[in-house]
Amino acid sequence: MDNLEKNMGFKHILIKEKNQNVPLYYCHSTKFKTFYTYCVFFKEYEKISSLHFEILGKLLNRTTLKHPTEQQLSVYCANLYDMYHYVSTKQLPHYDDMLFRTGTVNKKYIHEDIDLLDESISLLKETIFEPNFSEEILEDIKLTTINKINNAKNNNLYNVTKKFNLERFSGELIEEQMYINPEDVEAVTMDDIKKAYDNLLKCPHIYVYIGEDSLEDVVSSLSGFDFPVSEKVELKNECRHNKILEKVKEVHLDEDLNQSQLLIGLRTNIYNRDDDYYSMVFCELLLGGDSNSELFRVIRKNNNLAYDISFRYNSLYGFITIKAGVDKNNLEKTYELVKEVISNFQKGNISKEHLEIEKKYLISNIKTEFDDFSSHYNLALSHYRGDKIKTVEEKIELINSITVDDIKRAANSMEYELVYFVRGTKDESN
């Protein structure tokens, strides 16, 4: 028995389709009154084709050929005990995934003679294999997407943050992944979407089931799916940078903002699969996790320099962002205090009492993380990607083993790369 089964009782098997064997992650759970079935596709990232992939997902989420309007699909689902129907896409460092998800109430809670598992799988199959390529819906999706981009452009703080991100990530994969150009959206045609759909069917995919239906029934319901032979996709779940940071770049700007902003960018060589991952997580929690964090205490409580200050660690790309809204006359002072706090961590001046409090908080979250469907689903995805699966007990043991020296080592991996001192010309302190 591997840790996947120890964690949540998952069974990992291969089910036979017409052209290939495909992984099924089956979890028999009596914890929920509902059940869900997932089919997830994986596609290598490429800027324009990934945009087409994203728009295709939105199109497939709206309607099907049998239910060509959103109202018809909604009524159909409502008549099946509010059956859940959802299609979404997610972008990761080197690949995209598209998730198809259906499900509804456990059949033991109904008195009608209806096989809801079959109905759910039928809707899943209909959504995948019977798309409604509606020009009207495509144009609506494009318009909504473009309006959202343009509305964001009217937000001056968004524009400052975008400028900061584009400068710090110049030439890297994340730079092109972070922002969509409205011109690229406008250029999307139905032919692009149909091509993206044809490519989708060739993408590798897996099934995930969580509920009380028997394994035999689930396998029987899914075995009729018929896809072309899948192409291989490498599921790298991190993007390691190779930047050499010789000198911190400092930029001073005047912008049309009500409040001045301090933006600090740092890099770390610690990623989500690394041994020091949890040590860096504790850096994030202790430095900027909440109102008890060290940065909040020093910057806000002791010196009243900012209403709030955040510290965010991205374990997929290995970067850290610190943001604070401050008075324009205190930008440099706030930066010096931030450096002082981080320097203290790098010297090992870390509260053991605060560390123990954060350990209890993190352990509490881990004990309850499998109380929802998303954690079950994410566990199956992690296993398929080849991640090392830890049991709850192993995670708790690892967290309890973290020491001040471990956090000190993680803190010393952080390097400053870019600082924006943004003076708000509408700053009310004038």
Protein backbone atom coordinates (compact mmCIF):
# COMPACT_ATOMS: atom_id res chain seq x y z
CA MET A 1 0.00 0.00 0.00
CA ASP A 2 1.54 3.34 -1.04
CA ASN A 3 0.97 6.72 0.62
CA LEU A 4 -1.74 7.65 -1.87
CA GLU A 5 -3.93 4.90 -0.45
CA LYS A 6 -2.77 5.53 3.12
CA ASN A 7 -3.67 9.20 2.89
CA MET A 8 -7.19 9.04 1.50
CA GLY A 9 -7.85 5.43 0.52
CA PHE A 10 -7.25 6.15 -3.18
CA LYS A 11 -6.96 3.22 -5.54
CA HIS A 12 -4.83 3.92 -8.59
CA ILE A 13 -5.65 1.65 -11.52
CA LEU A 14 -5.62 1.70 -15.32
CA ILE A 15 -8.89 1.50 -17.21
CA LYS A 16 -9.00 0.39 -20.83
CA GLU A 17 -10.21 2.78 -23.47
CA LYS A 18 -10.40 1.83 -27.13
CA ASN A 19 -6.85 2.95 -27.96
CA GLN A 20 -5.01 3.01 -24.65
CA ASN A 21 -5.02 2.44 -20.91
CA VAL A 22 -5.71 5.55 -18.83
CA PRO A 23 -5.18 6.17 -15.09
CA LEU A 24 -8.20 6.23 -12.81
CA TYR A 25 -7.85 7.58 -9.28
CA TYR A 26 -10.76 6.12 -7.34
CA CYS A 27 -11.52 7.21 -3.78
CA HIS A 28 -14.36 5.51 -1.93
CA SER A 29 -15.51 8.09 0.61
CA THR A 30 -18.57 8.23 2.86
CA LYS A 31 -17.58 11.70 4.03
CA PHE A 32 -19.70 13.58 1.50
CA LYS A 33 -23.38 13.56 0.52
CA THR A 34 -22.36 14.13 -3.07
CA PHE A 35 -19.98 12.50 -5.54
CA TYR A 36 -17.79 13.92 -8.29
CA THR A 37 -16.19 12.54 -11.42
CA TYR A 38 -13.31 14.36 -13.09
CA CYS A 39 -11.58 14.05 -16.44
CA VAL A 40 -8.41 16.15 -16.66
CA PHE A 41 -6.33 16.86 -19.78
CA PHE A 42 -2.72 18.09 -19.86
CA LYS A 43 -1.17 20.22 -22.63
CA GLU A 44 2.32 21.62 -23.03
CA TYR A 45 2.41 25.39 -22.54
CA GLU A 46 2.73 27.60 -25.61
CA LYS A 47 1.61 31.21 -25.45
CA ILE A 48 -1.00 31.48 -28.23
CA SER A 49 -2.20 27.87 -28.21
CA SER A 50 -2.62 28.15 -24.44
CA LEU A 51 -4.85 31.20 -24.93
CA HIS A 52 -6.95 29.18 -27.38
CA PHE A 53 -7.03 26.35 -24.85
CA GLU A 54 -8.31 28.72 -22.14
CA ILE A 55 -11.04 30.18 -24.34
CA LEU A 56 -12.04 26.67 -25.46
CA GLY A 57 -12.52 25.72 -21.80
CA LYS A 58 -14.84 28.68 -21.29
CA LEU A 59 -16.79 27.73 -24.42
CA LEU A 60 -17.21 24.10 -23.33
CA ASN A 61 -18.38 25.26 -19.91
CA ARG A 62 -21.28 27.24 -21.35
CA THR A 63 -23.30 24.73 -23.43
CA THR A 64 -23.27 21.43 -25.32
CA LEU A 65 -24.67 20.41 -28.71
CA LYS A 66 -27.67 18.75 -27.01
CA HIS A 67 -28.19 21.76 -24.74
CA PRO A 68 -27.23 24.72 -26.96
CA THR A 69 -28.23 27.47 -24.54
CA GLU A 70 -27.03 28.07 -20.99
CA GLN A 71 -30.62 28.05 -19.78
CA GLN A 72 -31.30 24.63 -21.32
CA LEU A 73 -28.17 23.17 -19.75
CA SER A 74 -29.02 24.75 -16.41
CA VAL A 75 -32.56 23.30 -16.42
CA TYR A 76 -31.24 19.87 -17.44
CA CYS A 77 -28.80 19.86 -14.49
CA ALA A 78 -31.43 21.16 -12.08
CA ASN A 79 -33.72 18.24 -12.96
CA LEU A 80 -30.93 15.83 -12.00
CA TYR A 81 -30.76 17.00 -8.40
CA ASP A 82 -28.75 20.11 -9.30
CA MET A 83 -26.11 18.09 -11.08
CA TYR A 84 -22.78 19.91 -11.09
CA HIS A 85 -21.24 20.73 -14.47
CA TYR A 86 -17.96 22.62 -14.70
CA VAL A 87 -15.09 23.08 -17.16
CA SER A 88 -12.02 25.12 -16.25
CA THR A 89 -8.41 25.61 -17.27
CA LYS A 90 -5.33 26.20 -15.17
CA GLN A 91 -1.90 27.40 -16.22
CA LEU A 92 1.21 26.00 -14.54
CA PRO A 93 4.87 26.71 -15.30
CA HIS A 94 5.27 24.35 -18.28
CA TYR A 95 1.81 23.01 -18.99
CA ASP A 96 -1.90 23.78 -18.91
CA ASP A 97 -4.66 21.52 -17.71
CA MET A 98 -8.36 21.44 -18.54
CA LEU A 99 -10.70 20.01 -15.94
CA PHE A 100 -14.12 18.53 -16.71
CA ARG A 101 -16.13 17.87 -13.56
CA THR A 102 -19.63 16.51 -13.01
CA GLY A 103 -21.45 15.18 -9.97
CA THR A 104 -24.52 15.38 -7.81
CA VAL A 105 -26.14 13.97 -4.69
CA ASN A 106 -25.32 10.45 -3.51
CA LYS A 107 -28.06 8.11 -4.80
CA LYS A 108 -28.75 6.73 -1.32
CA TYR A 109 -30.28 10.09 -0.39
CA ILE A 110 -32.91 10.00 -3.15
CA HIS A 111 -36.05 7.90 -3.54
CA GLU A 112 -36.30 8.04 -7.32
CA ASP A 113 -35.19 5.08 -9.42
CA ILE A 114 -32.45 6.83 -11.38
CA ASP A 115 -28.79 6.00 -11.82
CA LEU A 116 -27.14 9.33 -11.11
CA LEU A 117 -23.64 7.96 -11.76
CA ASP A 118 -24.66 7.04 -15.32
CA GLU A 119 -26.33 10.41 -15.77
CA SER A 120 -23.23 12.18 -14.47
CA ILE A 121 -20.86 10.24 -16.74
CA SER A 122 -23.21 10.81 -19.68
CA LEU A 123 -23.05 14.57 -19.08
CA LEU A 124 -19.26 14.37 -18.78
CA LYS A 125 -19.09 12.53 -22.10
CA GLU A 126 -21.53 14.94 -23.72
CA THR A 127 -19.49 17.95 -22.58
CA ILE A 128 -16.28 16.50 -23.98
CA PHE A 129 -17.48 14.90 -27.21
CA GLU A 130 -20.45 17.04 -28.23
CA PRO A 131 -19.22 20.65 -28.14
CA ASN A 132 -21.43 23.50 -29.27
CA PHE A 133 -19.18 25.67 -31.42
CA SER A 134 -21.35 28.77 -31.21
CA GLU A 135 -19.93 31.91 -32.81
CA GLU A 136 -22.21 34.01 -30.60
CA ILE A 137 -20.87 32.44 -27.40
CA LEU A 138 -17.27 32.73 -28.62
CA GLU A 139 -17.70 36.44 -29.32
CA ASP A 140 -19.27 36.95 -25.90
CA ILE A 141 -16.33 35.18 -24.22
CA LYS A 142 -13.85 37.30 -26.17
CA LEU A 143 -15.69 40.52 -25.33
CA THR A 144 -15.89 39.64 -21.63
CA THR A 145 -12.18 38.77 -21.55
CA ILE A 146 -11.15 41.97 -23.35
CA ASN A 147 -13.36 44.13 -21.11
CA LYS A 148 -11.81 42.54 -18.04
CA ILE A 149 -8.29 43.30 -19.34
CA ASN A 150 -9.21 46.88 -20.24
CA ASN A 151 -10.95 47.49 -16.91
CA ALA A 152 -7.80 46.35 -15.11
CA LYS A 153 -5.81 48.86 -17.17
CA ASN A 154 -7.90 51.64 -15.63
CA ASN A 155 -6.62 50.68 -12.20
CA ASN A 156 -3.41 52.65 -11.58
CA LEU A 157 -2.18 50.31 -8.84
CA TYR A 158 -2.65 47.36 -11.22
CA ASN A 159 -0.59 49.18 -13.85
CA VAL A 160 2.22 49.90 -11.38
CA THR A 161 2.27 46.28 -10.22
CA LYS A 162 2.27 45.09 -13.85
CA LYS A 163 5.21 47.37 -14.66
CA PHE A 164 7.06 45.99 -11.62
CA ASN A 165 6.39 42.37 -12.61
CA LEU A 166 7.32 42.83 -16.27
CA GLU A 167 10.62 44.40 -15.30
CA ARG A 168 11.60 41.78 -12.73
CA PHE A 169 10.57 38.83 -14.93
CA SER A 170 11.84 40.19 -18.24
CA GLY A 171 12.79 37.37 -20.61
CA GLU A 172 11.41 34.63 -18.36
CA LEU A 173 8.54 32.23 -18.96
CA ILE A 174 6.41 33.77 -16.24
CA GLU A 175 6.56 37.18 -17.96
CA GLU A 176 4.47 35.99 -20.91
CA GLN A 177 2.21 33.87 -18.71
CA MET A 178 1.14 36.67 -16.36
CA TYR A 179 -0.71 38.99 -18.73
CA ILE A 180 -2.92 38.49 -21.81
CA ASN A 181 -2.88 41.00 -24.66
CA PRO A 182 -6.40 42.05 -25.75
CA GLU A 183 -5.17 42.03 -29.37
CA ASP A 184 -4.41 38.31 -29.07
CA VAL A 185 -7.90 37.67 -27.72
CA GLU A 186 -9.53 39.70 -30.48
CA ALA A 187 -7.63 37.69 -33.11
CA VAL A 188 -9.02 34.33 -31.93
CA THR A 189 -11.28 32.67 -34.51
CA MET A 190 -13.60 29.69 -34.40
CA ASP A 191 -11.07 27.79 -36.53
CA ASP A 192 -8.51 28.37 -33.75
CA ILE A 193 -10.96 26.99 -31.18
CA LYS A 194 -11.80 23.93 -33.29
CA LYS A 195 -8.09 23.24 -33.76
CA ALA A 196 -7.57 23.59 -30.00
CA TYR A 197 -10.42 21.11 -29.47
CA ASP A 198 -8.90 18.58 -31.87
CA ASN A 199 -5.59 18.91 -30.02
CA LEU A 200 -7.38 18.54 -26.67
CA LEU A 201 -8.65 15.08 -27.59
CA LYS A 202 -5.04 13.99 -28.22
CA CYS A 203 -3.80 15.28 -24.87
CA PRO A 204 -2.99 12.79 -22.11
CA HIS A 205 -5.76 12.62 -19.53
CA ILE A 206 -6.74 10.97 -16.27
CA TYR A 207 -9.98 10.25 -14.43
CA VAL A 208 -10.69 10.93 -10.75
CA TYR A 209 -13.74 9.69 -8.87
CA ILE A 210 -14.66 10.58 -5.27
CA GLY A 211 -17.82 9.13 -3.74
CA GLU A 212 -19.62 5.95 -2.70
CA ASP A 213 -20.28 4.25 -6.03
CA SER A 214 -18.42 0.98 -6.43
CA LEU A 215 -15.16 0.79 -8.33
CA GLU A 216 -16.74 -1.67 -10.76
CA ASP A 217 -19.59 0.71 -11.57
CA VAL A 218 -17.23 3.65 -12.09
CA VAL A 219 -14.93 1.65 -14.37
CA SER A 220 -17.91 0.34 -16.34
CA SER A 221 -19.27 3.87 -16.84
CA LEU A 222 -15.94 5.32 -17.98
CA SER A 223 -14.77 2.45 -20.17
CA GLY A 224 -16.80 3.66 -23.15
CA PHE A 225 -14.73 6.82 -23.61
CA ASP A 226 -12.92 6.83 -26.95
CA PHE A 227 -9.95 9.18 -27.49
CA PRO A 228 -7.13 9.18 -30.02
CA VAL A 229 -3.78 7.90 -28.77
CA SER A 230 -2.44 10.49 -26.33
CA GLU A 231 0.70 12.50 -26.97
CA LYS A 232 3.29 12.72 -24.18
CA VAL A 233 3.47 15.82 -21.97
CA GLU A 234 6.12 16.42 -19.32
CA LEU A 235 4.40 17.67 -16.17
CA LYS A 236 7.11 19.82 -14.60
CA ASN A 237 5.44 21.65 -11.74
CA GLU A 238 8.11 24.29 -11.19
CA CYS A 239 10.16 26.76 -13.21
CA ARG A 240 13.63 27.23 -11.79
CA HIS A 241 15.26 30.56 -12.57
CA ASN A 242 18.93 30.93 -13.37
CA LYS A 243 19.31 34.65 -12.75
CA ILE A 244 22.54 35.92 -11.22
CA LEU A 245 21.63 38.83 -8.96
CA GLU A 246 24.69 41.01 -8.69
CA LYS A 247 23.03 44.26 -7.63
CA VAL A 248 19.61 45.28 -6.38
CA LYS A 249 17.86 47.60 -8.81
CA GLU A 250 15.96 50.47 -7.19
CA VAL A 251 13.36 52.43 -9.16
CA HIS A 252 11.70 55.66 -8.02
CA LEU A 253 8.40 56.57 -9.67
CA ASP A 254 5.66 59.18 -9.34
CA GLU A 255 2.26 57.67 -10.12
CA ASP A 256 -1.37 58.78 -9.96
CA LEU A 257 -2.15 56.88 -6.74
CA ASN A 258 -3.99 57.76 -3.55
CA GLN A 259 -1.38 55.95 -1.49
CA SER A 260 2.31 55.47 -2.11
CA GLN A 261 3.51 51.91 -2.58
CA LEU A 262 6.65 49.98 -1.71
CA LEU A 263 7.17 46.89 -3.89
CA ILE A 264 10.09 44.59 -3.13
CA GLY A 265 11.02 41.60 -5.26
CA LEU A 266 13.28 38.79 -4.03
CA ARG A 267 14.36 35.40 -5.37
CA THR A 268 14.94 32.09 -3.66
CA ASN A 269 16.33 28.79 -4.93
CA ILE A 270 13.80 26.82 -2.87
CA TYR A 271 10.85 25.28 -4.75
CA ASN A 272 7.82 23.19 -3.85
CA ARG A 273 9.56 19.83 -4.31
CA ASP A 274 12.71 20.75 -2.37
CA ASP A 275 13.67 19.54 1.10
CA ASP A 276 13.66 23.10 2.44
CA TYR A 277 10.16 23.85 1.13
CA TYR A 278 8.51 23.82 4.57
CA SER A 279 11.35 25.93 5.98
CA MET A 280 10.51 28.59 3.39
CA VAL A 281 6.80 28.23 4.16
CA PHE A 282 7.61 29.09 7.77
CA CYS A 283 9.62 32.09 6.55
CA GLU A 284 6.46 33.27 4.83
CA LEU A 285 4.26 32.61 7.86
CA LEU A 286 6.61 34.19 10.39
CA LEU A 287 7.56 37.17 8.26
CA GLY A 288 4.23 38.05 6.68
CA GLY A 289 1.56 35.42 7.27
CA ASP A 290 -0.83 37.48 9.38
CA SER A 291 -1.13 40.40 11.83
CA ASN A 292 1.22 38.58 14.23
CA SER A 293 3.99 38.34 11.66
CA GLU A 294 7.32 40.07 12.18
CA LEU A 295 6.97 42.51 9.28
CA PHE A 296 3.49 43.54 10.41
CA ARG A 297 4.67 43.96 13.98
CA VAL A 298 7.68 46.12 13.10
CA ILE A 299 6.27 48.11 10.17
CA ARG A 300 2.67 48.55 11.31
CA LYS A 301 2.40 48.09 15.07
CA ASN A 302 5.72 49.49 16.28
CA ASN A 303 6.35 52.21 13.71
CA ASN A 304 2.90 52.86 12.20
CA LEU A 305 4.39 53.13 8.71
CA ALA A 306 1.86 51.06 6.78
CA TYR A 307 -1.76 50.02 7.18
CA ASP A 308 -0.81 46.56 5.96
CA ILE A 309 2.21 44.73 4.61
CA SER A 310 2.29 41.39 2.80
CA PHE A 311 4.96 38.78 2.13
CA ARG A 312 4.10 36.22 -0.57
CA TYR A 313 6.25 33.22 -1.55
CA ASN A 314 5.63 31.53 -4.93
CA SER A 315 7.03 28.01 -4.70
CA LEU A 316 6.49 27.22 -8.41
CA TYR A 317 8.71 30.03 -9.73
CA GLY A 318 10.92 30.72 -6.72
CA PHE A 319 10.10 34.36 -6.10
CA ILE A 320 8.92 36.47 -3.18
CA THR A 321 6.98 39.73 -3.28
CA ILE A 322 6.64 42.18 -0.40
CA LYS A 323 4.05 44.94 -0.75
CA ALA A 324 3.20 47.83 1.55
CA GLY A 325 1.04 50.92 1.20
CA VAL A 326 2.90 53.75 2.96
CA ASP A 327 3.16 57.51 3.23
CA LYS A 328 5.35 58.92 0.45
CA ASN A 329 7.77 60.40 2.98
CA ASN A 330 8.36 57.00 4.60
CA LEU A 331 9.17 54.83 1.59
CA GLU A 332 12.92 54.62 2.22
CA LYS A 333 12.50 54.25 5.98
CA THR A 334 10.05 51.37 5.50
CA TYR A 335 12.44 49.65 3.10
CA GLU A 336 15.31 49.92 5.57
CA LEU A 337 13.15 48.38 8.30
CA VAL A 338 12.08 45.53 5.99
CA LYS A 339 15.74 44.79 5.28
CA GLU A 340 16.49 44.88 8.99
CA VAL A 341 13.72 42.37 9.79
CA ILE A 342 14.87 39.97 7.06
CA SER A 343 18.50 40.39 8.13
CA ASN A 344 17.54 39.36 11.65
CA PHE A 345 15.95 36.20 10.27
CA GLN A 346 19.08 35.50 8.25
CA LYS A 347 21.08 35.76 11.49
CA GLY A 348 18.73 33.34 13.23
CA ASN A 349 16.99 35.91 15.45
CA ILE A 350 13.65 34.11 15.24
CA SER A 351 11.10 33.71 18.03
CA LYS A 352 10.80 30.05 19.03
CA GLU A 353 7.46 30.84 20.66
CA HIS A 354 6.10 32.33 17.44
CA LEU A 355 7.46 29.33 15.52
CA GLU A 356 5.57 26.91 17.77
CA ILE A 357 2.35 28.89 17.32
CA GLU A 358 2.69 28.74 13.52
CA LYS A 359 3.46 25.02 13.69
CA LYS A 360 0.19 24.40 15.50
CA TYR A 361 -1.64 26.53 12.93
CA LEU A 362 -0.12 24.65 9.98
CA ILE A 363 -0.70 21.23 11.55
CA SER A 364 -4.34 22.14 12.21
CA ASN A 365 -4.76 23.00 8.54
CA ILE A 366 -3.14 19.74 7.46
CA LYS A 367 -5.45 17.69 9.69
CA THR A 368 -8.50 19.26 8.04
CA GLU A 369 -7.21 19.62 4.48
CA PHE A 370 -8.99 16.48 3.28
CA ASP A 371 -12.41 17.66 4.41
CA ASP A 372 -13.21 18.90 0.91
CA PHE A 373 -13.15 17.54 -2.62
CA SER A 374 -10.39 19.83 -3.87
CA SER A 375 -7.77 18.31 -1.56
CA HIS A 376 -8.66 14.80 -2.74
CA TYR A 377 -8.43 15.93 -6.35
CA ASN A 378 -5.12 17.74 -5.82
CA LEU A 379 -3.65 14.65 -4.17
CA ALA A 380 -4.50 12.54 -7.23
CA LEU A 381 -2.95 15.17 -9.51
CA SER A 382 0.22 15.28 -7.40
CA HIS A 383 0.58 11.51 -7.67
CA TYR A 384 0.10 11.60 -11.45
CA ARG A 385 2.76 14.32 -11.77
CA GLY A 386 5.20 12.11 -9.90
CA ASP A 387 5.32 14.19 -6.72
CA LYS A 388 6.36 12.42 -3.54
CA ILE A 389 3.16 11.80 -1.58
CA LYS A 390 3.44 12.23 2.18
CA THR A 391 0.88 10.95 4.65
CA VAL A 392 -0.71 13.39 7.09
CA GLU A 393 1.44 11.85 9.83
CA GLU A 394 4.61 12.33 7.79
CA LYS A 395 3.74 15.98 7.10
CA ILE A 396 3.10 16.63 10.79
CA GLU A 397 6.38 14.94 11.74
CA LEU A 398 8.23 17.03 9.17
CA ILE A 399 6.65 20.27 10.40
CA ASN A 400 7.44 19.47 14.03
CA SER A 401 11.06 18.82 13.06
CA ILE A 402 11.58 22.33 11.61
CA THR A 403 14.07 24.34 13.68
CA VAL A 404 15.20 27.94 13.84
CA ASP A 405 18.35 26.90 11.96
CA ASP A 406 16.21 25.50 9.13
CA ILE A 407 14.33 28.79 8.80
CA LYS A 408 17.59 30.73 9.01
CA ARG A 409 18.95 28.65 6.12
CA ALA A 410 15.81 29.32 4.07
CA ALA A 411 15.98 33.04 4.85
CA ASN A 412 19.58 33.15 3.64
CA SER A 413 18.46 31.79 0.27
CA MET A 414 16.57 35.03 -0.38
CA GLU A 415 18.19 37.65 -2.59
CA TYR A 416 16.85 41.12 -3.39
CA GLU A 417 16.41 41.84 -7.09
CA LEU A 418 14.11 44.83 -7.59
CA VAL A 419 12.58 47.58 -5.42
CA TYR A 420 9.93 50.07 -6.56
CA PHE A 421 9.50 53.26 -4.51
CA VAL A 422 6.19 54.52 -5.91
CA ARG A 423 5.21 58.03 -4.74
CA GLY A 424 1.46 58.58 -5.02
CA THR A 425 0.75 62.03 -6.45
CA LYS A 426 -2.72 61.88 -4.85
CA ASP A 427 -1.19 60.91 -1.50
CA GLU A 428 -3.44 62.56 1.10
CA SER A 429 -0.43 63.33 3.28
CA ASN A 430 0.47 66.23 0.95
